[in-house]
N, C-alpha and C. Protein backbone atom coordinates (compact mmCIF):
# COMPACT_ATOMS: atom_id res chain seq x y z
N UNK A 1 119.23 109.35 81.12
CA UNK A 1 120.00 108.47 80.27
C UNK A 1 120.73 107.40 81.10
N UNK A 2 121.27 107.84 82.24
CA UNK A 2 121.95 106.87 83.12
C UNK A 2 120.96 105.84 83.64
N UNK A 3 119.77 106.29 83.98
CA UNK A 3 118.75 105.36 84.50
C UNK A 3 118.30 104.41 83.40
N UNK A 4 118.20 104.87 82.18
CA UNK A 4 117.83 104.01 81.06
C UNK A 4 118.87 102.90 80.87
N UNK A 5 120.14 103.26 81.01
CA UNK A 5 121.23 102.30 80.83
C UNK A 5 121.42 101.41 82.05
N UNK A 6 121.02 101.91 83.22
CA UNK A 6 121.22 101.14 84.44
C UNK A 6 122.63 101.27 84.99
N UNK A 7 123.36 102.27 84.54
CA UNK A 7 124.71 102.51 85.05
C UNK A 7 125.07 103.98 84.87
N UNK A 8 126.07 104.44 85.61
CA UNK A 8 126.48 105.84 85.51
C UNK A 8 127.26 106.08 84.23
N UNK A 9 126.88 107.13 83.51
CA UNK A 9 127.58 107.51 82.28
C UNK A 9 128.45 108.76 82.50
N UNK A 10 128.36 109.36 83.69
CA UNK A 10 129.14 110.54 84.08
C UNK A 10 128.95 111.68 83.07
N UNK A 11 127.67 112.00 82.84
CA UNK A 11 127.32 113.07 81.90
C UNK A 11 127.23 114.44 82.56
N UNK A 12 127.15 114.48 83.90
CA UNK A 12 126.88 115.73 84.60
C UNK A 12 128.02 116.22 85.48
N UNK A 13 129.23 115.75 85.27
CA UNK A 13 130.38 116.25 86.03
C UNK A 13 130.31 115.90 87.50
N UNK A 14 130.45 116.93 88.35
CA UNK A 14 130.50 116.72 89.80
C UNK A 14 129.24 116.05 90.34
N UNK A 15 128.10 116.35 89.75
CA UNK A 15 126.82 115.81 90.23
C UNK A 15 126.82 114.29 90.23
N UNK A 16 127.51 113.69 89.28
CA UNK A 16 127.56 112.22 89.17
C UNK A 16 128.30 111.57 90.33
N UNK A 17 129.16 112.34 91.01
CA UNK A 17 129.93 111.81 92.13
C UNK A 17 129.27 112.12 93.48
N UNK A 18 128.13 112.80 93.45
CA UNK A 18 127.44 113.17 94.68
C UNK A 18 126.18 112.33 94.86
N UNK A 19 125.49 112.58 95.97
CA UNK A 19 124.24 111.85 96.25
C UNK A 19 123.08 112.38 95.41
N UNK A 20 123.29 113.47 94.66
CA UNK A 20 122.24 114.03 93.81
C UNK A 20 122.09 113.28 92.49
N UNK A 21 122.99 112.36 92.20
CA UNK A 21 122.93 111.61 90.95
C UNK A 21 121.61 110.85 90.86
N UNK A 22 120.95 110.92 89.71
CA UNK A 22 119.62 110.32 89.54
C UNK A 22 119.61 108.83 89.79
N UNK A 23 120.66 108.14 89.39
CA UNK A 23 120.68 106.67 89.52
C UNK A 23 120.89 106.26 90.98
N UNK A 24 121.43 107.16 91.80
CA UNK A 24 121.59 106.87 93.23
C UNK A 24 120.23 106.82 93.92
N UNK A 25 119.34 107.71 93.51
CA UNK A 25 118.02 107.80 94.15
C UNK A 25 117.00 106.84 93.54
N UNK A 26 117.07 106.64 92.21
CA UNK A 26 116.08 105.79 91.52
C UNK A 26 116.82 104.87 90.55
N UNK A 27 117.23 103.75 91.04
CA UNK A 27 118.03 102.83 90.23
C UNK A 27 117.15 101.90 89.39
N UNK A 28 116.19 102.48 88.67
CA UNK A 28 115.35 101.72 87.75
C UNK A 28 115.08 102.61 86.55
N UNK A 29 114.72 102.02 85.40
CA UNK A 29 114.51 102.84 84.19
C UNK A 29 113.42 103.89 84.38
N UNK A 30 113.50 105.01 83.66
CA UNK A 30 112.50 106.05 83.79
C UNK A 30 111.18 105.65 83.16
N UNK A 31 110.13 106.35 83.51
CA UNK A 31 108.83 106.11 82.88
C UNK A 31 107.87 105.35 83.78
N UNK A 32 106.62 105.29 83.33
CA UNK A 32 105.54 104.68 84.09
C UNK A 32 105.78 103.20 84.35
N UNK A 33 106.40 102.51 83.39
CA UNK A 33 106.59 101.06 83.52
C UNK A 33 108.04 100.71 83.83
N UNK A 34 108.77 101.64 84.41
CA UNK A 34 110.20 101.45 84.66
C UNK A 34 110.53 100.29 85.58
N UNK A 35 109.64 100.01 86.56
CA UNK A 35 109.95 98.99 87.55
C UNK A 35 109.58 97.57 87.09
N UNK A 36 108.96 97.47 85.92
CA UNK A 36 108.62 96.14 85.40
C UNK A 36 109.87 95.37 85.00
N UNK A 37 109.81 94.07 85.14
CA UNK A 37 110.92 93.24 84.67
C UNK A 37 110.71 92.95 83.20
N UNK A 38 111.74 93.16 82.41
CA UNK A 38 111.63 92.90 80.97
C UNK A 38 112.74 91.96 80.54
N UNK A 39 112.44 91.16 79.52
CA UNK A 39 113.45 90.24 78.99
C UNK A 39 114.29 91.00 77.97
N UNK A 40 115.60 90.99 78.15
CA UNK A 40 116.48 91.74 77.27
C UNK A 40 117.04 90.79 76.20
N UNK A 41 116.79 91.12 74.94
CA UNK A 41 117.28 90.31 73.82
C UNK A 41 118.73 90.69 73.49
N UNK A 42 119.35 89.89 72.64
CA UNK A 42 120.72 90.19 72.20
C UNK A 42 120.77 91.53 71.46
N UNK A 43 119.75 91.76 70.62
CA UNK A 43 119.69 93.01 69.87
C UNK A 43 119.58 94.20 70.82
N UNK A 44 118.77 94.05 71.87
CA UNK A 44 118.60 95.14 72.84
C UNK A 44 119.93 95.45 73.54
N UNK A 45 120.70 94.41 73.88
CA UNK A 45 122.01 94.62 74.51
C UNK A 45 122.95 95.38 73.58
N UNK A 46 122.96 94.99 72.31
CA UNK A 46 123.83 95.65 71.34
C UNK A 46 123.41 97.10 71.14
N UNK A 47 122.11 97.34 71.02
CA UNK A 47 121.61 98.70 70.82
C UNK A 47 121.91 99.58 72.02
N UNK A 48 121.72 99.04 73.22
CA UNK A 48 122.00 99.80 74.44
C UNK A 48 123.47 100.20 74.53
N UNK A 49 124.34 99.27 74.16
CA UNK A 49 125.78 99.56 74.21
C UNK A 49 126.14 100.68 73.23
N UNK A 50 125.55 100.62 72.04
CA UNK A 50 125.80 101.67 71.04
C UNK A 50 125.28 103.02 71.54
N UNK A 51 124.06 103.02 72.10
CA UNK A 51 123.48 104.26 72.61
C UNK A 51 124.32 104.81 73.77
N UNK A 52 124.80 103.92 74.62
CA UNK A 52 125.62 104.34 75.76
C UNK A 52 126.86 105.09 75.28
N UNK A 53 127.56 104.53 74.30
CA UNK A 53 128.78 105.17 73.79
C UNK A 53 128.45 106.49 73.10
N UNK A 54 127.35 106.52 72.34
CA UNK A 54 126.92 107.76 71.69
C UNK A 54 126.65 108.85 72.73
N UNK A 55 125.93 108.50 73.78
CA UNK A 55 125.59 109.48 74.81
C UNK A 55 126.83 109.93 75.58
N UNK A 56 127.72 108.99 75.86
CA UNK A 56 128.94 109.35 76.61
C UNK A 56 129.77 110.38 75.86
N UNK A 57 129.93 110.19 74.56
CA UNK A 57 130.78 111.09 73.77
C UNK A 57 130.00 112.24 73.15
N UNK A 58 128.68 112.27 73.30
CA UNK A 58 127.87 113.37 72.78
C UNK A 58 127.85 113.44 71.26
N UNK A 59 127.69 112.27 70.61
CA UNK A 59 127.72 112.19 69.16
C UNK A 59 126.34 111.79 68.65
N UNK A 60 125.90 112.41 67.55
CA UNK A 60 124.62 112.05 66.95
C UNK A 60 124.75 110.76 66.13
N UNK A 61 123.61 110.16 65.78
CA UNK A 61 123.61 108.86 65.10
C UNK A 61 124.35 108.89 63.76
N UNK A 62 124.07 109.88 62.93
CA UNK A 62 124.68 109.95 61.61
C UNK A 62 126.20 110.08 61.72
N UNK A 63 126.64 110.91 62.66
CA UNK A 63 128.06 111.11 62.89
C UNK A 63 128.70 109.83 63.42
N UNK A 64 127.99 109.13 64.30
CA UNK A 64 128.51 107.89 64.88
C UNK A 64 128.68 106.82 63.79
N UNK A 65 127.72 106.76 62.87
CA UNK A 65 127.82 105.80 61.76
C UNK A 65 129.04 106.10 60.89
N UNK A 66 129.34 107.38 60.69
CA UNK A 66 130.52 107.75 59.91
C UNK A 66 131.80 107.33 60.62
N UNK A 67 131.83 107.52 61.95
CA UNK A 67 132.99 107.07 62.72
C UNK A 67 133.16 105.56 62.60
N UNK A 68 132.03 104.84 62.67
CA UNK A 68 132.10 103.38 62.57
C UNK A 68 132.61 102.96 61.18
N UNK A 69 132.11 103.60 60.13
CA UNK A 69 132.52 103.27 58.76
C UNK A 69 134.02 103.50 58.58
N UNK A 70 134.53 104.59 59.16
CA UNK A 70 135.97 104.86 59.05
C UNK A 70 136.78 103.85 59.86
N UNK A 71 136.28 103.51 61.05
CA UNK A 71 136.97 102.51 61.89
C UNK A 71 137.02 101.16 61.20
N UNK A 72 135.97 100.84 60.46
CA UNK A 72 135.89 99.56 59.74
C UNK A 72 136.89 99.52 58.57
N UNK A 73 137.13 100.68 57.95
CA UNK A 73 138.06 100.74 56.81
C UNK A 73 139.52 100.62 57.26
N UNK A 74 139.80 101.06 58.49
CA UNK A 74 141.18 101.04 58.99
C UNK A 74 141.64 99.62 59.33
N UNK A 75 142.95 99.45 59.35
CA UNK A 75 143.51 98.14 59.73
C UNK A 75 143.36 97.95 61.23
N UNK A 76 143.27 96.69 61.64
CA UNK A 76 143.19 96.39 63.07
C UNK A 76 141.76 96.14 63.52
N UNK A 77 141.57 96.14 64.83
CA UNK A 77 140.27 95.87 65.43
C UNK A 77 139.32 97.05 65.20
N UNK A 78 138.15 96.79 64.64
CA UNK A 78 137.18 97.85 64.34
C UNK A 78 136.72 98.55 65.61
N UNK A 79 136.43 97.77 66.66
CA UNK A 79 135.96 98.35 67.92
C UNK A 79 136.99 99.26 68.55
N UNK A 80 138.24 98.83 68.55
CA UNK A 80 139.32 99.64 69.12
C UNK A 80 139.53 100.91 68.29
N UNK A 81 139.48 100.77 66.97
CA UNK A 81 139.62 101.94 66.08
C UNK A 81 138.51 102.95 66.34
N UNK A 82 137.29 102.46 66.56
CA UNK A 82 136.15 103.33 66.82
C UNK A 82 136.37 104.15 68.09
N UNK A 83 136.79 103.48 69.17
CA UNK A 83 137.02 104.19 70.43
C UNK A 83 138.17 105.19 70.30
N UNK A 84 139.19 104.85 69.54
CA UNK A 84 140.31 105.78 69.35
C UNK A 84 139.88 107.01 68.57
N UNK A 85 139.03 106.83 67.56
CA UNK A 85 138.51 107.98 66.80
C UNK A 85 137.68 108.91 67.69
N UNK A 86 136.93 108.33 68.61
CA UNK A 86 136.12 109.13 69.53
C UNK A 86 137.01 109.83 70.56
N UNK A 87 138.08 109.18 70.98
CA UNK A 87 138.97 109.75 71.99
C UNK A 87 139.78 110.94 71.47
N UNK A 88 140.07 110.98 70.16
CA UNK A 88 140.90 112.08 69.65
C UNK A 88 140.08 113.30 69.23
N UNK A 89 138.78 113.28 69.50
CA UNK A 89 137.95 114.47 69.27
C UNK A 89 138.41 115.57 70.23
N UNK A 90 138.39 116.81 69.77
CA UNK A 90 138.89 117.92 70.60
C UNK A 90 138.09 118.07 71.89
N UNK A 91 136.76 117.97 71.82
CA UNK A 91 135.97 118.13 73.05
C UNK A 91 136.32 117.05 74.08
N UNK A 92 136.59 115.83 73.61
CA UNK A 92 136.95 114.76 74.53
C UNK A 92 138.34 114.98 75.13
N UNK A 93 139.29 115.47 74.33
CA UNK A 93 140.64 115.72 74.84
C UNK A 93 140.62 116.83 75.88
N UNK A 94 139.82 117.87 75.64
CA UNK A 94 139.66 118.96 76.63
C UNK A 94 139.09 118.39 77.93
N UNK A 95 138.12 117.48 77.82
CA UNK A 95 137.54 116.82 79.00
C UNK A 95 138.59 115.97 79.71
N UNK A 96 139.35 115.19 78.97
CA UNK A 96 140.39 114.32 79.55
C UNK A 96 141.48 115.13 80.24
N UNK A 97 141.72 116.37 79.75
CA UNK A 97 142.71 117.23 80.39
C UNK A 97 142.19 117.81 81.70
N UNK A 98 140.87 117.74 81.90
CA UNK A 98 140.29 118.25 83.14
C UNK A 98 139.88 119.70 83.05
N UNK A 99 139.81 120.28 81.86
CA UNK A 99 139.41 121.68 81.70
C UNK A 99 137.90 121.83 81.73
N UNK A 100 137.18 120.72 81.60
CA UNK A 100 135.73 120.71 81.72
C UNK A 100 135.33 119.57 82.65
N UNK A 101 134.34 119.81 83.48
CA UNK A 101 133.91 118.77 84.43
C UNK A 101 133.18 117.62 83.74
N UNK A 102 132.64 117.89 82.55
CA UNK A 102 131.96 116.85 81.77
C UNK A 102 132.27 117.09 80.29
N UNK A 103 131.95 116.11 79.46
CA UNK A 103 132.21 116.27 78.03
C UNK A 103 131.36 117.39 77.43
N UNK A 104 130.13 117.55 77.94
CA UNK A 104 129.27 118.61 77.41
C UNK A 104 129.82 119.99 77.77
N UNK A 105 130.41 120.12 78.97
CA UNK A 105 131.01 121.39 79.35
C UNK A 105 132.26 121.67 78.50
N UNK A 106 133.04 120.62 78.23
CA UNK A 106 134.22 120.77 77.39
C UNK A 106 133.82 121.16 75.97
N UNK A 107 132.73 120.55 75.50
CA UNK A 107 132.21 120.87 74.16
C UNK A 107 131.79 122.34 74.07
N UNK A 108 131.16 122.83 75.14
CA UNK A 108 130.73 124.23 75.18
C UNK A 108 131.94 125.17 75.15
N UNK A 109 133.00 124.79 75.86
CA UNK A 109 134.23 125.59 75.84
C UNK A 109 134.77 125.71 74.42
N UNK A 110 134.77 124.59 73.70
CA UNK A 110 135.27 124.58 72.33
C UNK A 110 134.38 125.45 71.44
N UNK A 111 133.06 125.29 71.54
CA UNK A 111 132.12 126.05 70.69
C UNK A 111 132.19 127.55 70.96
N UNK A 112 132.56 127.95 72.19
CA UNK A 112 132.60 129.36 72.55
C UNK A 112 133.97 129.99 72.32
N UNK A 113 134.79 129.37 71.46
CA UNK A 113 136.10 129.91 71.08
C UNK A 113 137.05 130.08 72.26
N UNK A 114 136.97 129.20 73.25
CA UNK A 114 137.82 129.31 74.43
C UNK A 114 139.05 128.41 74.37
N UNK A 115 139.16 127.58 73.32
CA UNK A 115 140.23 126.59 73.24
C UNK A 115 141.17 126.91 72.08
N UNK A 116 142.48 126.81 72.36
CA UNK A 116 143.50 127.01 71.33
C UNK A 116 144.23 125.70 71.09
N UNK A 117 144.43 125.36 69.83
CA UNK A 117 145.24 124.20 69.46
C UNK A 117 146.48 124.72 68.75
N UNK A 118 147.64 124.53 69.38
CA UNK A 118 148.92 125.06 68.86
C UNK A 118 148.84 126.57 68.61
N UNK A 119 148.14 127.27 69.53
CA UNK A 119 148.04 128.73 69.45
C UNK A 119 146.95 129.26 68.54
N UNK A 120 146.23 128.38 67.85
CA UNK A 120 145.16 128.80 66.94
C UNK A 120 143.80 128.45 67.54
N UNK A 121 142.84 129.37 67.43
CA UNK A 121 141.48 129.09 67.93
C UNK A 121 140.83 128.01 67.08
N UNK A 122 140.23 127.03 67.76
CA UNK A 122 139.48 125.98 67.08
C UNK A 122 138.15 125.86 67.78
N UNK A 123 137.04 126.00 67.03
CA UNK A 123 135.71 125.92 67.66
C UNK A 123 134.88 124.76 67.11
N UNK A 124 135.55 123.72 66.63
CA UNK A 124 134.86 122.54 66.11
C UNK A 124 135.09 121.38 67.07
N UNK A 125 134.05 120.93 67.79
CA UNK A 125 134.23 119.85 68.78
C UNK A 125 134.77 118.56 68.19
N UNK A 126 134.45 118.26 66.92
CA UNK A 126 134.89 117.00 66.31
C UNK A 126 136.29 117.09 65.69
N UNK A 127 136.97 118.24 65.85
CA UNK A 127 138.33 118.40 65.33
C UNK A 127 139.21 117.29 65.88
N UNK A 128 140.00 116.68 65.00
CA UNK A 128 140.86 115.56 65.43
C UNK A 128 142.22 116.07 65.88
N UNK A 129 142.53 115.79 67.12
CA UNK A 129 143.80 116.21 67.70
C UNK A 129 144.88 115.21 67.29
N UNK A 130 146.04 115.71 66.92
CA UNK A 130 147.16 114.85 66.51
C UNK A 130 148.17 114.75 67.65
N UNK A 131 149.02 113.74 67.58
CA UNK A 131 150.06 113.56 68.59
C UNK A 131 150.98 114.77 68.61
N UNK A 132 151.25 115.28 69.81
CA UNK A 132 152.14 116.44 69.96
C UNK A 132 151.43 117.77 69.94
N UNK A 133 150.13 117.80 69.68
CA UNK A 133 149.38 119.06 69.68
C UNK A 133 149.27 119.61 71.10
N UNK A 134 149.46 120.93 71.22
CA UNK A 134 149.31 121.59 72.52
C UNK A 134 147.92 122.24 72.57
N UNK A 135 147.19 121.91 73.62
CA UNK A 135 145.84 122.47 73.81
C UNK A 135 145.89 123.40 75.02
N UNK A 136 145.40 124.61 74.83
CA UNK A 136 145.39 125.58 75.93
C UNK A 136 144.10 126.39 75.87
N UNK A 137 143.91 127.22 76.88
CA UNK A 137 142.72 128.07 76.95
C UNK A 137 143.09 129.52 76.68
N UNK A 138 142.12 130.29 76.22
CA UNK A 138 142.35 131.72 76.02
C UNK A 138 142.43 132.40 77.38
N UNK A 139 142.95 133.62 77.42
CA UNK A 139 143.12 134.34 78.68
C UNK A 139 141.78 134.59 79.36
N UNK A 140 140.76 134.94 78.56
CA UNK A 140 139.43 135.19 79.14
C UNK A 140 138.86 133.93 79.76
N UNK A 141 139.06 132.79 79.11
CA UNK A 141 138.53 131.52 79.62
C UNK A 141 139.21 131.13 80.93
N UNK A 142 140.50 131.43 81.06
CA UNK A 142 141.23 131.06 82.28
C UNK A 142 140.67 131.74 83.52
N UNK A 143 140.04 132.91 83.32
CA UNK A 143 139.51 133.67 84.45
C UNK A 143 138.15 133.16 84.92
N UNK A 144 137.51 132.31 84.14
CA UNK A 144 136.17 131.84 84.48
C UNK A 144 136.20 130.92 85.70
N UNK A 145 135.29 131.16 86.63
CA UNK A 145 135.25 130.39 87.87
C UNK A 145 134.90 128.93 87.63
N UNK A 146 134.02 128.66 86.65
CA UNK A 146 133.60 127.27 86.41
C UNK A 146 134.76 126.43 85.90
N UNK A 147 135.67 127.04 85.14
CA UNK A 147 136.84 126.31 84.64
C UNK A 147 137.81 126.05 85.78
N UNK A 148 137.99 127.04 86.64
CA UNK A 148 138.88 126.86 87.80
C UNK A 148 138.34 125.78 88.73
N UNK A 149 137.02 125.77 88.93
CA UNK A 149 136.44 124.74 89.80
C UNK A 149 136.50 123.36 89.14
N UNK A 150 136.36 123.32 87.81
CA UNK A 150 136.47 122.04 87.08
C UNK A 150 137.87 121.47 87.22
N UNK A 151 138.89 122.33 87.14
CA UNK A 151 140.28 121.86 87.27
C UNK A 151 140.53 121.35 88.69
N UNK A 152 140.02 122.08 89.69
CA UNK A 152 140.17 121.62 91.09
C UNK A 152 139.51 120.26 91.29
N UNK A 153 138.32 120.10 90.71
CA UNK A 153 137.59 118.84 90.85
C UNK A 153 138.30 117.69 90.14
N UNK A 154 138.76 117.92 88.91
CA UNK A 154 139.37 116.84 88.14
C UNK A 154 140.76 116.46 88.64
N UNK A 155 141.42 117.36 89.38
CA UNK A 155 142.73 117.01 89.94
C UNK A 155 142.59 115.92 91.01
N UNK A 156 141.40 115.82 91.60
CA UNK A 156 141.16 114.78 92.61
C UNK A 156 140.86 113.42 91.98
N UNK A 157 140.53 113.42 90.67
CA UNK A 157 140.21 112.18 89.94
C UNK A 157 141.47 111.65 89.25
N UNK A 158 141.52 110.34 88.96
CA UNK A 158 142.68 109.81 88.23
C UNK A 158 142.75 110.37 86.82
N UNK A 159 143.96 110.74 86.38
CA UNK A 159 144.14 111.36 85.07
C UNK A 159 144.35 110.35 83.96
N UNK A 160 144.52 110.86 82.75
CA UNK A 160 144.75 110.03 81.57
C UNK A 160 146.24 110.05 81.22
N UNK A 161 146.81 108.87 80.94
CA UNK A 161 148.24 108.77 80.66
C UNK A 161 148.62 109.36 79.32
N UNK A 162 147.67 109.43 78.38
CA UNK A 162 148.01 109.90 77.03
C UNK A 162 147.91 111.42 76.88
N UNK A 163 147.62 112.13 77.99
CA UNK A 163 147.57 113.60 77.96
C UNK A 163 148.46 114.13 79.07
N UNK A 164 149.41 114.99 78.73
CA UNK A 164 150.30 115.61 79.70
C UNK A 164 149.72 116.98 80.05
N UNK A 165 149.31 117.16 81.31
CA UNK A 165 148.55 118.36 81.69
C UNK A 165 149.35 119.24 82.66
N UNK A 166 149.33 120.55 82.39
CA UNK A 166 149.87 121.56 83.30
C UNK A 166 148.65 122.30 83.87
N UNK A 167 148.22 121.89 85.07
CA UNK A 167 146.97 122.43 85.66
C UNK A 167 147.09 123.92 85.95
N UNK A 168 148.25 124.38 86.40
CA UNK A 168 148.42 125.81 86.71
C UNK A 168 148.36 126.66 85.45
N UNK A 169 149.00 126.19 84.40
CA UNK A 169 149.00 126.93 83.14
C UNK A 169 147.76 126.70 82.31
N UNK A 170 146.88 125.77 82.77
CA UNK A 170 145.65 125.41 82.07
C UNK A 170 145.92 125.04 80.61
N UNK A 171 146.89 124.18 80.43
CA UNK A 171 147.22 123.70 79.10
C UNK A 171 147.76 122.28 79.19
N UNK A 172 147.88 121.64 78.04
CA UNK A 172 148.39 120.28 78.03
C UNK A 172 148.80 119.87 76.63
N UNK A 173 149.46 118.72 76.57
CA UNK A 173 149.93 118.18 75.28
C UNK A 173 149.33 116.79 75.10
N UNK A 174 148.77 116.57 73.91
CA UNK A 174 148.24 115.25 73.57
C UNK A 174 149.42 114.39 73.15
N UNK A 175 149.81 113.43 74.01
CA UNK A 175 151.04 112.67 73.78
C UNK A 175 150.87 111.59 72.72
N UNK A 176 149.81 110.80 72.82
CA UNK A 176 149.64 109.67 71.90
C UNK A 176 148.20 109.21 71.89
N UNK A 177 147.83 108.52 70.83
CA UNK A 177 146.49 107.92 70.75
C UNK A 177 146.43 106.78 71.76
N UNK A 178 145.42 106.75 72.63
CA UNK A 178 145.39 105.73 73.68
C UNK A 178 145.16 104.32 73.14
N UNK A 179 145.77 103.37 73.81
CA UNK A 179 145.53 101.95 73.50
C UNK A 179 144.24 101.51 74.17
N UNK A 180 143.69 100.41 73.74
CA UNK A 180 142.42 99.92 74.29
C UNK A 180 142.53 99.63 75.78
N UNK A 181 143.69 99.11 76.22
CA UNK A 181 143.88 98.76 77.63
C UNK A 181 143.84 99.99 78.54
N UNK A 182 144.08 101.19 77.98
CA UNK A 182 144.09 102.42 78.78
C UNK A 182 142.71 103.05 78.92
N UNK A 183 141.72 102.56 78.17
CA UNK A 183 140.43 103.24 78.11
C UNK A 183 139.40 102.76 79.13
N UNK A 184 139.68 101.72 79.88
CA UNK A 184 138.71 101.23 80.86
C UNK A 184 137.81 100.17 80.27
N UNK A 185 137.15 99.45 81.14
CA UNK A 185 136.38 98.28 80.71
C UNK A 185 134.86 98.49 80.71
N UNK A 186 134.40 99.75 80.92
CA UNK A 186 132.95 99.97 80.99
C UNK A 186 132.27 99.92 79.63
N UNK A 187 133.06 99.98 78.55
CA UNK A 187 132.50 99.91 77.19
C UNK A 187 132.82 98.54 76.59
N UNK A 188 131.80 97.90 76.03
CA UNK A 188 131.99 96.63 75.33
C UNK A 188 131.80 96.89 73.84
N UNK A 189 132.88 97.27 73.17
CA UNK A 189 132.79 97.68 71.76
C UNK A 189 132.44 96.54 70.82
N UNK A 190 132.63 95.29 71.27
CA UNK A 190 132.30 94.14 70.42
C UNK A 190 130.80 94.07 70.12
N UNK A 191 129.99 94.52 71.08
CA UNK A 191 128.53 94.53 70.85
C UNK A 191 128.15 95.53 69.77
N UNK A 192 128.87 96.66 69.71
CA UNK A 192 128.60 97.67 68.69
C UNK A 192 128.97 97.14 67.30
N UNK A 193 130.10 96.45 67.25
CA UNK A 193 130.55 95.86 65.97
C UNK A 193 129.54 94.82 65.51
N UNK A 194 129.03 94.01 66.44
CA UNK A 194 128.02 93.00 66.11
C UNK A 194 126.75 93.66 65.58
N UNK A 195 126.36 94.77 66.19
CA UNK A 195 125.14 95.47 65.78
C UNK A 195 125.27 96.00 64.34
N UNK A 196 126.38 96.65 64.03
CA UNK A 196 126.54 97.27 62.72
C UNK A 196 126.92 96.27 61.63
N UNK A 197 127.41 95.10 62.00
CA UNK A 197 127.84 94.14 60.97
C UNK A 197 126.72 93.20 60.57
N UNK A 198 125.48 93.45 61.03
CA UNK A 198 124.35 92.60 60.65
C UNK A 198 123.94 92.88 59.21
């Protein structure tokens, strides 16, 4: 997927930061005709941007369209609303807290009943976290070596300002919905809005 996009999507956790990353070794699209030069149309750019965001957050097409429809109904910028809806998903918040090395690992933690929201088990990755919610792990999950190694790895990376994390206690508080300026510039949400508004 990273090779198709031509950039790192950080789908594999630690592997993406090492020399084993696929795009480090083969920086061209996959397939028999990957090295050919192709002309990229405006539609192709818009579609690629949409696919990139879908793959990054691990969302299927139908679900992504629902997120877009809700973002469009809300007041304010549709693109910013869309990214905020994706950021408040439980699997993404667990990833941002550093309890999973990748979003897919965080999603697996949620599906396996390892995550508590305000002391209650929640196993739905698309659950929307509200401001002030405390997210923690179950006792059994805290003992897992992969979670401990994920926390060690993510402590070396820059954290998110909208999540207050206690790494030793393996818990954190979702402080606020992030603003667009806090989310980074690797996503161009305007292309997604252009694609869906045709």
